[in-house]
Amino acid sequence: MYKKFFGIKERPFSKTPDPRFLFFSRGHREALARLQYAVEERDLVLLTGEIGCGKTTLSRALIDELGEQYKVVLLINPRLSPLEFLRAVAHRLEVKEPARSKTDLLEQLGERLYSLFQQSICPVLIIDEAQLIPSKETFDEIRLLTNFQLDDQNLLSVVLMGQPELRKRLAHRAYEPLRQRIGLSYDLLPLNVEETGEYLEFRWHVAGGSGNLFTQEAIQEIYNYSGGIPRKINHAAALAILEGFGRETRTVDEQVIRSILPELALTS
């Protein structure tokens, strides 16, 4: 009902990582450019950022940009032992009957990666929430995967994505061998207040809205609450639209935002 009231075709502030709604702030543009470059170079890239900054949506945008010459392996739950990790990668690379022993499994992976290379296909391993990887030994397996290479190039690209604690963890001297393999890295920061307004307007228009839904004062209130984190911006904006619908107003001002702050505090 509220979509008809506001004249929009779909929900503008959904929580799902739809690349159509990816707002390219300066930081997001640079992050995606680095991801694309690293994949093209078959390199290892590290992307970190606070919860809700848009890392997962960026990964979906990257996948959408890749052509048929790339084969994406996406791991979204990396709580895996070293052997479980290697078997998961092998399974997604379509290795038939992944071996139970590490030695045989690595041989299967090497053969599969070389076979893909001969077909001019570059595998791209994307590990989301990489801060959840339980042990250094699993990180060691990630590093060893980058050993699969020819004289002039790697046989796969690796994208490590996670929260800021991932960067802190990798800073420990025990992870120096892995750090030396990282070709590019980027820390995705929250939006500033101006970008927050642009973000709200962009998503509103993608959903079919017209005009300016949020006043400048409302944008400031949303920024004060969210700190520029897109996920929190979405949460506040979605509740604000419902509140506006209940009040039968097609403009969201600071009074509407302030009225939903208690609910935001309960659900954050």
C-alpha atoms as a PDB file:
ATOM      1  CA  MET A   1       0.000   0.000   0.000  1.00  0.00           C
ATOM      2  CA  TYR A   2       2.747   2.473   0.848  1.00  0.00           C
ATOM      3  CA  LYS A   3       4.367   1.916  -2.586  1.00  0.00           C
ATOM      4  CA  LYS A   4       1.187   3.099  -4.283  1.00  0.00           C
ATOM      5  CA  PHE A   5       0.945   6.058  -1.893  1.00  0.00           C
ATOM      6  CA  PHE A   6       4.462   7.236  -2.724  1.00  0.00           C
ATOM      7  CA  GLY A   7       4.304   6.258  -6.402  1.00  0.00           C
ATOM      8  CA  ILE A   8       7.237   3.842  -6.318  1.00  0.00           C
ATOM      9  CA  LYS A   9       7.620   0.447  -7.994  1.00  0.00           C
ATOM     10  CA  GLU A  10       9.675  -1.382  -5.372  1.00  0.00           C
ATOM     11  CA  ARG A  11      11.117  -0.990  -1.916  1.00  0.00           C
ATOM     12  CA  PRO A  12      13.954   1.541  -2.113  1.00  0.00           C
ATOM     13  CA  PHE A  13      15.713   0.602   1.112  1.00  0.00           C
ATOM     14  CA  SER A  14      15.668  -3.180   1.137  1.00  0.00           C
ATOM     15  CA  LYS A  15      18.384  -5.025   3.062  1.00  0.00           C
ATOM     16  CA  THR A  16      19.216  -7.368   0.173  1.00  0.00           C
ATOM     17  CA  PRO A  17      22.523  -6.611  -1.654  1.00  0.00           C
ATOM     18  CA  ASP A  18      21.006  -5.700  -5.038  1.00  0.00           C
ATOM     19  CA  PRO A  19      23.744  -4.214  -7.296  1.00  0.00           C
ATOM     20  CA  ARG A  20      21.137  -2.025  -9.016  1.00  0.00           C
ATOM     21  CA  PHE A  21      20.910  -0.066  -5.784  1.00  0.00           C
ATOM     22  CA  LEU A  22      24.669   0.226  -5.317  1.00  0.00           C
ATOM     23  CA  PHE A  23      25.452   3.881  -4.785  1.00  0.00           C
ATOM     24  CA  PHE A  24      28.930   4.691  -6.015  1.00  0.00           C
ATOM     25  CA  SER A  25      30.464   7.066  -3.542  1.00  0.00           C
ATOM     26  CA  ARG A  26      34.078   7.972  -4.203  1.00  0.00           C
ATOM     27  CA  GLY A  27      35.103   5.179  -1.843  1.00  0.00           C
ATOM     28  CA  HIS A  28      32.871   2.582  -3.500  1.00  0.00           C
ATOM     29  CA  ARG A  29      34.130   3.538  -6.974  1.00  0.00           C
ATOM     30  CA  GLU A  30      37.739   3.176  -5.887  1.00  0.00           C
ATOM     31  CA  ALA A  31      37.057  -0.108  -4.085  1.00  0.00           C
ATOM     32  CA  LEU A  32      35.360  -1.656  -7.121  1.00  0.00           C
ATOM     33  CA  ALA A  33      38.140  -0.410  -9.423  1.00  0.00           C
ATOM     34  CA  ARG A  34      40.733  -2.075  -7.201  1.00  0.00           C
ATOM     35  CA  LEU A  35      38.773  -5.315  -7.093  1.00  0.00           C
ATOM     36  CA  GLN A  36      38.436  -5.362 -10.872  1.00  0.00           C
ATOM     37  CA  TYR A  37      42.118  -4.600 -11.390  1.00  0.00           C
ATOM     38  CA  ALA A  38      43.212  -7.322  -8.946  1.00  0.00           C
ATOM     39  CA  VAL A  39      40.991  -9.901 -10.640  1.00  0.00           C
ATOM     40  CA  GLU A  40      42.306  -8.967 -14.075  1.00  0.00           C
ATOM     41  CA  GLU A  41      45.860  -9.317 -12.761  1.00  0.00           C
ATOM     42  CA  ARG A  42      44.998 -12.635 -11.029  1.00  0.00           C
ATOM     43  CA  ASP A  43      46.157 -11.110  -7.777  1.00  0.00           C
ATOM     44  CA  LEU A  44      45.163 -11.323  -4.108  1.00  0.00           C
ATOM     45  CA  VAL A  45      43.172  -8.316  -2.868  1.00  0.00           C
ATOM     46  CA  LEU A  46      41.995  -7.364   0.628  1.00  0.00           C
ATOM     47  CA  LEU A  47      38.801  -5.344   1.177  1.00  0.00           C
ATOM     48  CA  THR A  48      37.770  -4.332   4.692  1.00  0.00           C
ATOM     49  CA  GLY A  49      35.037  -2.129   6.120  1.00  0.00           C
ATOM     50  CA  GLU A  50      32.603  -1.780   8.985  1.00  0.00           C
ATOM     51  CA  ILE A  51      29.467  -3.922   9.140  1.00  0.00           C
ATOM     52  CA  GLY A  52      26.935  -2.599   6.648  1.00  0.00           C
ATOM     53  CA  CYS A  53      29.342  -0.473   4.586  1.00  0.00           C
ATOM     54  CA  GLY A  54      28.479  -2.292   1.353  1.00  0.00           C
ATOM     55  CA  LYS A  55      31.246  -4.876   0.972  1.00  0.00           C
ATOM     56  CA  THR A  56      28.872  -7.696   0.048  1.00  0.00           C
ATOM     57  CA  THR A  57      27.012  -5.505  -2.435  1.00  0.00           C
ATOM     58  CA  LEU A  58      30.361  -4.557  -3.987  1.00  0.00           C
ATOM     59  CA  SER A  59      31.217  -8.232  -4.382  1.00  0.00           C
ATOM     60  CA  ARG A  60      27.915  -8.801  -6.197  1.00  0.00           C
ATOM     61  CA  ALA A  61      28.654  -5.822  -8.447  1.00  0.00           C
ATOM     62  CA  LEU A  62      32.093  -7.271  -9.180  1.00  0.00           C
ATOM     63  CA  ILE A  63      30.560 -10.633 -10.091  1.00  0.00           C
ATOM     64  CA  ASP A  64      28.101  -8.898 -12.414  1.00  0.00           C
ATOM     65  CA  GLU A  65      30.998  -7.105 -14.143  1.00  0.00           C
ATOM     66  CA  LEU A  66      32.971 -10.281 -14.817  1.00  0.00           C
ATOM     67  CA  GLY A  67      32.545 -11.937 -18.177  1.00  0.00           C
ATOM     68  CA  GLU A  68      32.368 -15.572 -19.222  1.00  0.00           C
ATOM     69  CA  GLN A  69      36.162 -15.890 -19.003  1.00  0.00           C
ATOM     70  CA  TYR A  70      35.882 -15.842 -15.204  1.00  0.00           C
ATOM     71  CA  LYS A  71      34.592 -18.569 -12.907  1.00  0.00           C
ATOM     72  CA  VAL A  72      33.540 -17.235  -9.505  1.00  0.00           C
ATOM     73  CA  VAL A  73      33.850 -19.300  -6.335  1.00  0.00           C
ATOM     74  CA  LEU A  74      31.993 -17.489  -3.539  1.00  0.00           C
ATOM     75  CA  LEU A  75      32.411 -18.587   0.078  1.00  0.00           C
ATOM     76  CA  ILE A  76      30.068 -16.768   2.452  1.00  0.00           C
ATOM     77  CA  ASN A  77      30.615 -18.969   5.494  1.00  0.00           C
ATOM     78  CA  PRO A  78      34.377 -19.435   5.915  1.00  0.00           C
ATOM     79  CA  ARG A  79      34.237 -21.095   9.337  1.00  0.00           C
ATOM     80  CA  LEU A  80      36.133 -24.044   7.895  1.00  0.00           C
ATOM     81  CA  SER A  81      39.087 -26.185   8.857  1.00  0.00           C
ATOM     82  CA  PRO A  82      41.978 -26.231   6.355  1.00  0.00           C
ATOM     83  CA  LEU A  83      40.809 -29.473   4.741  1.00  0.00           C
ATOM     84  CA  GLU A  84      37.153 -28.373   4.717  1.00  0.00           C
ATOM     85  CA  PHE A  85      38.220 -25.145   3.033  1.00  0.00           C
ATOM     86  CA  LEU A  86      40.181 -26.900   0.297  1.00  0.00           C
ATOM     87  CA  ARG A  87      37.366 -29.375  -0.302  1.00  0.00           C
ATOM     88  CA  ALA A  88      34.833 -26.526  -0.529  1.00  0.00           C
ATOM     89  CA  VAL A  89      36.957 -24.762  -3.142  1.00  0.00           C
ATOM     90  CA  ALA A  90      37.478 -27.998  -5.064  1.00  0.00           C
ATOM     91  CA  HIS A  91      33.754 -28.761  -5.034  1.00  0.00           C
ATOM     92  CA  ARG A  92      32.875 -25.307  -6.396  1.00  0.00           C
ATOM     93  CA  LEU A  93      35.544 -25.653  -9.059  1.00  0.00           C
ATOM     94  CA  GLU A  94      33.747 -28.843 -10.130  1.00  0.00           C
ATOM     95  CA  VAL A  95      36.495 -31.235  -9.110  1.00  0.00           C
ATOM     96  CA  LYS A  96      34.969 -34.701  -9.292  1.00  0.00           C
ATOM     97  CA  GLU A  97      35.126 -36.526  -5.973  1.00  0.00           C
ATOM     98  CA  PRO A  98      37.508 -34.225  -4.017  1.00  0.00           C
ATOM     99  CA  ALA A  99      40.125 -36.305  -2.210  1.00  0.00           C
ATOM    100  CA  ARG A 100      40.161 -36.792   1.539  1.00  0.00           C
ATOM    101  CA  SER A 101      43.900 -36.300   1.889  1.00  0.00           C
ATOM    102  CA  LYS A 102      45.439 -32.857   1.593  1.00  0.00           C
ATOM    103  CA  THR A 103      48.221 -33.999  -0.740  1.00  0.00           C
ATOM    104  CA  ASP A 104      45.833 -35.589  -3.232  1.00  0.00           C
ATOM    105  CA  LEU A 105      43.395 -32.691  -2.925  1.00  0.00           C
ATOM    106  CA  LEU A 106      46.065 -30.115  -3.764  1.00  0.00           C
ATOM    107  CA  GLU A 107      47.060 -32.179  -6.778  1.00  0.00           C
ATOM    108  CA  GLN A 108      43.427 -32.247  -7.947  1.00  0.00           C
ATOM    109  CA  LEU A 109      43.152 -28.490  -7.481  1.00  0.00           C
ATOM    110  CA  GLY A 110      46.344 -27.877  -9.418  1.00  0.00           C
ATOM    111  CA  GLU A 111      45.138 -30.009 -12.310  1.00  0.00           C
ATOM    112  CA  ARG A 112      41.744 -28.285 -12.330  1.00  0.00           C
ATOM    113  CA  LEU A 113      43.237 -24.794 -12.252  1.00  0.00           C
ATOM    114  CA  TYR A 114      45.571 -25.619 -15.125  1.00  0.00           C
ATOM    115  CA  SER A 115      42.672 -27.106 -17.076  1.00  0.00           C
ATOM    116  CA  LEU A 116      40.709 -23.877 -16.620  1.00  0.00           C
ATOM    117  CA  PHE A 117      43.748 -21.875 -17.711  1.00  0.00           C
ATOM    118  CA  GLN A 118      43.924 -23.898 -20.926  1.00  0.00           C
ATOM    119  CA  GLN A 119      40.285 -22.942 -21.508  1.00  0.00           C
ATOM    120  CA  SER A 120      41.183 -19.244 -20.951  1.00  0.00           C
ATOM    121  CA  ILE A 121      39.068 -19.182 -17.788  1.00  0.00           C
ATOM    122  CA  CYS A 122      40.290 -17.412 -14.655  1.00  0.00           C
ATOM    123  CA  PRO A 123      38.874 -18.685 -11.340  1.00  0.00           C
ATOM    124  CA  VAL A 124      38.050 -15.951  -8.818  1.00  0.00           C
ATOM    125  CA  LEU A 125      37.844 -17.043  -5.190  1.00  0.00           C
ATOM    126  CA  ILE A 126      35.797 -14.525  -3.139  1.00  0.00           C
ATOM    127  CA  ILE A 127      35.796 -15.110   0.620  1.00  0.00           C
ATOM    128  CA  ASP A 128      33.218 -12.969   2.418  1.00  0.00           C
ATOM    129  CA  GLU A 129      33.329 -12.415   6.204  1.00  0.00           C
ATOM    130  CA  ALA A 130      36.932 -13.619   6.153  1.00  0.00           C
ATOM    131  CA  GLN A 131      37.434 -12.434   9.740  1.00  0.00           C
ATOM    132  CA  LEU A 132      35.451 -15.537  10.728  1.00  0.00           C
ATOM    133  CA  ILE A 133      38.103 -17.928   9.391  1.00  0.00           C
ATOM    134  CA  PRO A 134      38.853 -19.907  12.545  1.00  0.00           C
ATOM    135  CA  SER A 135      42.557 -20.661  12.288  1.00  0.00           C
ATOM    136  CA  LYS A 136      45.844 -19.455  10.892  1.00  0.00           C
ATOM    137  CA  GLU A 137      46.184 -22.835   9.192  1.00  0.00           C
ATOM    138  CA  THR A 138      43.186 -22.074   6.962  1.00  0.00           C
ATOM    139  CA  PHE A 139      44.744 -18.728   6.030  1.00  0.00           C
ATOM    140  CA  ASP A 140      47.887 -20.683   5.158  1.00  0.00           C
ATOM    141  CA  GLU A 141      45.875 -22.740   2.680  1.00  0.00           C
ATOM    142  CA  ILE A 142      44.628 -19.518   1.072  1.00  0.00           C
ATOM    143  CA  ARG A 143      48.222 -18.384   0.704  1.00  0.00           C
ATOM    144  CA  LEU A 144      49.262 -21.727  -0.743  1.00  0.00           C
ATOM    145  CA  LEU A 145      46.525 -21.508  -3.365  1.00  0.00           C
ATOM    146  CA  THR A 146      48.365 -18.500  -4.774  1.00  0.00           C
ATOM    147  CA  ASN A 147      51.332 -20.828  -5.380  1.00  0.00           C
ATOM    148  CA  PHE A 148      49.449 -22.299  -8.309  1.00  0.00           C
ATOM    149  CA  GLN A 149      51.018 -20.231 -11.040  1.00  0.00           C
ATOM    150  CA  LEU A 150      52.869 -20.251 -14.311  1.00  0.00           C
ATOM    151  CA  ASP A 151      56.067 -18.351 -14.979  1.00  0.00           C
ATOM    152  CA  ASP A 152      54.281 -15.098 -15.707  1.00  0.00           C
ATOM    153  CA  GLN A 153      50.903 -15.261 -13.895  1.00  0.00           C
ATOM    154  CA  ASN A 154      48.819 -16.845 -11.160  1.00  0.00           C
ATOM    155  CA  LEU A 155      46.173 -19.417 -12.025  1.00  0.00           C
ATOM    156  CA  LEU A 156      43.499 -17.786  -9.871  1.00  0.00           C
ATOM    157  CA  SER A 157      42.561 -14.523  -8.201  1.00  0.00           C
ATOM    158  CA  VAL A 158      41.624 -14.285  -4.503  1.00  0.00           C
ATOM    159  CA  VAL A 159      39.404 -11.626  -2.902  1.00  0.00           C
ATOM    160  CA  LEU A 160      39.454 -11.464   0.915  1.00  0.00           C
ATOM    161  CA  MET A 161      36.611  -9.407   2.389  1.00  0.00           C
ATOM    162  CA  GLY A 162      35.912  -8.729   6.033  1.00  0.00           C
ATOM    163  CA  GLN A 163      35.410  -6.379   8.935  1.00  0.00           C
ATOM    164  CA  PRO A 164      38.228  -4.154  10.268  1.00  0.00           C
ATOM    165  CA  GLU A 165      39.378  -6.852  12.697  1.00  0.00           C
ATOM    166  CA  LEU A 166      40.512  -8.872   9.666  1.00  0.00           C
ATOM    167  CA  ARG A 167      43.070  -6.186   8.843  1.00  0.00           C
ATOM    168  CA  LYS A 168      44.202  -6.113  12.484  1.00  0.00           C
ATOM    169  CA  ARG A 169      44.530  -9.876  12.525  1.00  0.00           C
ATOM    170  CA  LEU A 170      46.601  -9.974   9.363  1.00  0.00           C
ATOM    171  CA  ALA A 171      48.891  -7.278  10.784  1.00  0.00           C
ATOM    172  CA  HIS A 172      50.314  -9.842  13.231  1.00  0.00           C
ATOM    173  CA  ARG A 173      53.779 -11.046  12.286  1.00  0.00           C
ATOM    174  CA  ALA A 174      52.514 -14.637  12.057  1.00  0.00           C
ATOM    175  CA  TYR A 175      50.583 -13.627   8.919  1.00  0.00           C
ATOM    176  CA  GLU A 176      53.486 -11.891   7.180  1.00  0.00           C
ATOM    177  CA  PRO A 177      53.831 -14.594   4.487  1.00  0.00           C
ATOM    178  CA  LEU A 178      50.176 -14.024   3.541  1.00  0.00           C
ATOM    179  CA  ARG A 179      50.490 -10.223   3.698  1.00  0.00           C
ATOM    180  CA  GLN A 180      53.350 -10.392   1.234  1.00  0.00           C
ATOM    181  CA  ARG A 181      50.988 -12.016  -1.269  1.00  0.00           C
ATOM    182  CA  ILE A 182      48.426  -9.180  -1.053  1.00  0.00           C
ATOM    183  CA  GLY A 183      48.747  -7.106  -4.199  1.00  0.00           C
ATOM    184  CA  LEU A 184      46.042  -4.535  -3.418  1.00  0.00           C
ATOM    185  CA  SER A 185      44.012  -3.546  -0.371  1.00  0.00           C
ATOM    186  CA  TYR A 186      41.314  -1.040   0.444  1.00  0.00           C
ATOM    187  CA  ASP A 187      39.461   0.019   3.592  1.00  0.00           C
ATOM    188  CA  LEU A 188      35.894   1.069   2.758  1.00  0.00           C
ATOM    189  CA  LEU A 189      34.824   4.010   4.927  1.00  0.00           C
ATOM    190  CA  PRO A 190      31.274   5.178   5.806  1.00  0.00           C
ATOM    191  CA  LEU A 191      29.557   7.892   3.771  1.00  0.00           C
ATOM    192  CA  ASN A 192      29.797  11.526   4.787  1.00  0.00           C
ATOM    193  CA  VAL A 193      26.661  13.589   5.313  1.00  0.00           C
ATOM    194  CA  GLU A 194      26.602  14.885   1.723  1.00  0.00           C
ATOM    195  CA  GLU A 195      26.985  11.365   0.340  1.00  0.00           C
ATOM    196  CA  THR A 196      24.241  10.186   2.706  1.00  0.00           C
ATOM    197  CA  GLY A 197      21.821  12.610   1.043  1.00  0.00           C
ATOM    198  CA  GLU A 198      22.962  11.518  -2.412  1.00  0.00           C
ATOM    199  CA  TYR A 199      22.585   7.876  -1.380  1.00  0.00           C
ATOM    200  CA  LEU A 200      19.004   8.379  -0.196  1.00  0.00           C
ATOM    201  CA  GLU A 201      18.071  10.263  -3.366  1.00  0.00           C
ATOM    202  CA  PHE A 202      19.728   7.681  -5.625  1.00  0.00           C
ATOM    203  CA  ARG A 203      17.933   4.705  -4.120  1.00  0.00           C
ATOM    204  CA  TRP A 204      14.637   6.580  -4.059  1.00  0.00           C
ATOM    205  CA  HIS A 205      14.874   7.283  -7.782  1.00  0.00           C
ATOM    206  CA  VAL A 206      16.002   3.719  -8.651  1.00  0.00           C
ATOM    207  CA  ALA A 207      12.813   2.485  -6.947  1.00  0.00           C
ATOM    208  CA  GLY A 208      10.747   4.779  -9.153  1.00  0.00           C
ATOM    209  CA  GLY A 209      10.350   7.730  -6.812  1.00  0.00           C
ATOM    210  CA  SER A 210      10.371  11.319  -8.003  1.00  0.00           C
ATOM    211  CA  GLY A 211      11.374  14.565  -6.341  1.00  0.00           C
ATOM    212  CA  ASN A 212      13.112  14.825  -2.992  1.00  0.00           C
ATOM    213  CA  LEU A 213      11.551  12.635  -0.313  1.00  0.00           C
ATOM    214  CA  PHE A 214      13.855  13.685   2.546  1.00  0.00           C
ATOM    215  CA  THR A 215      14.432  17.233   3.723  1.00  0.00           C
ATOM    216  CA  GLN A 216      17.977  18.373   4.471  1.00  0.00           C
ATOM    217  CA  GLU A 217      17.168  18.327   8.179  1.00  0.00           C
ATOM    218  CA  ALA A 218      15.917  14.736   7.888  1.00  0.00           C
ATOM    219  CA  ILE A 219      19.111  13.740   6.064  1.00  0.00           C
ATOM    220  CA  GLN A 220      21.171  15.216   8.885  1.00  0.00           C
ATOM    221  CA  GLU A 221      19.141  13.267  11.454  1.00  0.00           C
ATOM    222  CA  ILE A 222      19.610  10.040   9.507  1.00  0.00           C
ATOM    223  CA  TYR A 223      23.336  10.693   9.263  1.00  0.00           C
ATOM    224  CA  ASN A 224      23.553  11.409  12.986  1.00  0.00           C
ATOM    225  CA  TYR A 225      21.903   8.059  13.680  1.00  0.00           C
ATOM    226  CA  SER A 226      23.708   5.969  11.050  1.00  0.00           C
ATOM    227  CA  GLY A 227      27.190   7.437  11.025  1.00  0.00           C
ATOM    228  CA  GLY A 228      27.082   7.048   7.252  1.00  0.00           C
ATOM    229  CA  ILE A 229      26.766   3.227   7.346  1.00  0.00           C
ATOM    230  CA  PRO A 230      24.542   2.272   4.365  1.00  0.00           C
ATOM    231  CA  ARG A 231      22.835  -0.598   6.188  1.00  0.00           C
ATOM    232  CA  LYS A 232      21.810   1.709   9.043  1.00  0.00           C
ATOM    233  CA  ILE A 233      20.766   4.398   6.559  1.00  0.00           C
ATOM    234  CA  ASN A 234      18.481   1.836   4.894  1.00  0.00           C
ATOM    235  CA  HIS A 235      17.004   0.850   8.228  1.00  0.00           C
ATOM    236  CA  ALA A 236      16.201   4.432   9.207  1.00  0.00           C
ATOM    237  CA  ALA A 237      14.878   5.349   5.754  1.00  0.00           C
ATOM    238  CA  ALA A 238      12.624   2.284   5.539  1.00  0.00           C
ATOM    239  CA  LEU A 239      11.029   3.056   8.918  1.00  0.00           C
ATOM    240  CA  ALA A 240      10.737   6.721   7.962  1.00  0.00           C
ATOM    241  CA  ILE A 241       8.761   5.848   4.830  1.00  0.00           C
ATOM    242  CA  LEU A 242       6.345   3.739   6.860  1.00  0.00           C
ATOM    243  CA  GLU A 243       5.971   6.539   9.405  1.00  0.00           C
ATOM    244  CA  GLY A 244       5.387   9.029   6.607  1.00  0.00           C
ATOM    245  CA  PHE A 245       2.757   6.753   5.104  1.00  0.00           C
ATOM    246  CA  GLY A 246       1.022   6.517   8.477  1.00  0.00           C
ATOM    247  CA  ARG A 247       1.000  10.306   8.731  1.00  0.00           C
ATOM    248  CA  GLU A 248      -0.130  10.618   5.088  1.00  0.00           C
ATOM    249  CA  THR A 249       2.791  12.897   4.270  1.00  0.00           C
ATOM    250  CA  ARG A 250       4.875  12.517   1.136  1.00  0.00           C
ATOM    251  CA  THR A 251       7.817  14.403   2.608  1.00  0.00           C
ATOM    252  CA  VAL A 252      10.024  13.027   5.369  1.00  0.00           C
ATOM    253  CA  ASP A 253      11.244  15.793   7.649  1.00  0.00           C
ATOM    254  CA  GLU A 254      13.267  15.806  10.863  1.00  0.00           C
ATOM    255  CA  GLN A 255      10.132  15.340  12.962  1.00  0.00           C
ATOM    256  CA  VAL A 256       9.405  12.052  11.226  1.00  0.00           C
ATOM    257  CA  ILE A 257      12.963  10.851  11.820  1.00  0.00           C
ATOM    258  CA  ARG A 258      12.939  11.872  15.467  1.00  0.00           C
ATOM    259  CA  SER A 259       9.690  10.010  15.991  1.00  0.00           C
ATOM    260  CA  ILE A 260      11.262   6.715  14.875  1.00  0.00           C
ATOM    261  CA  LEU A 261      14.490   7.077  16.866  1.00  0.00           C
ATOM    262  CA  PRO A 262      13.187   5.012  19.806  1.00  0.00           C
ATOM    263  CA  GLU A 263      12.320   2.153  17.454  1.00  0.00           C
ATOM    264  CA  LEU A 264      15.706   2.451  15.772  1.00  0.00           C
ATOM    265  CA  ALA A 265      17.381   2.218  19.172  1.00  0.00           C
ATOM    266  CA  LEU A 266      15.483  -0.998  19.926  1.00  0.00           C
ATOM    267  CA  THR A 267      16.247  -2.689  16.612  1.00  0.00           C
ATOM    268  CA  SER A 268      19.870  -1.612  16.027  1.00  0.00           C
END
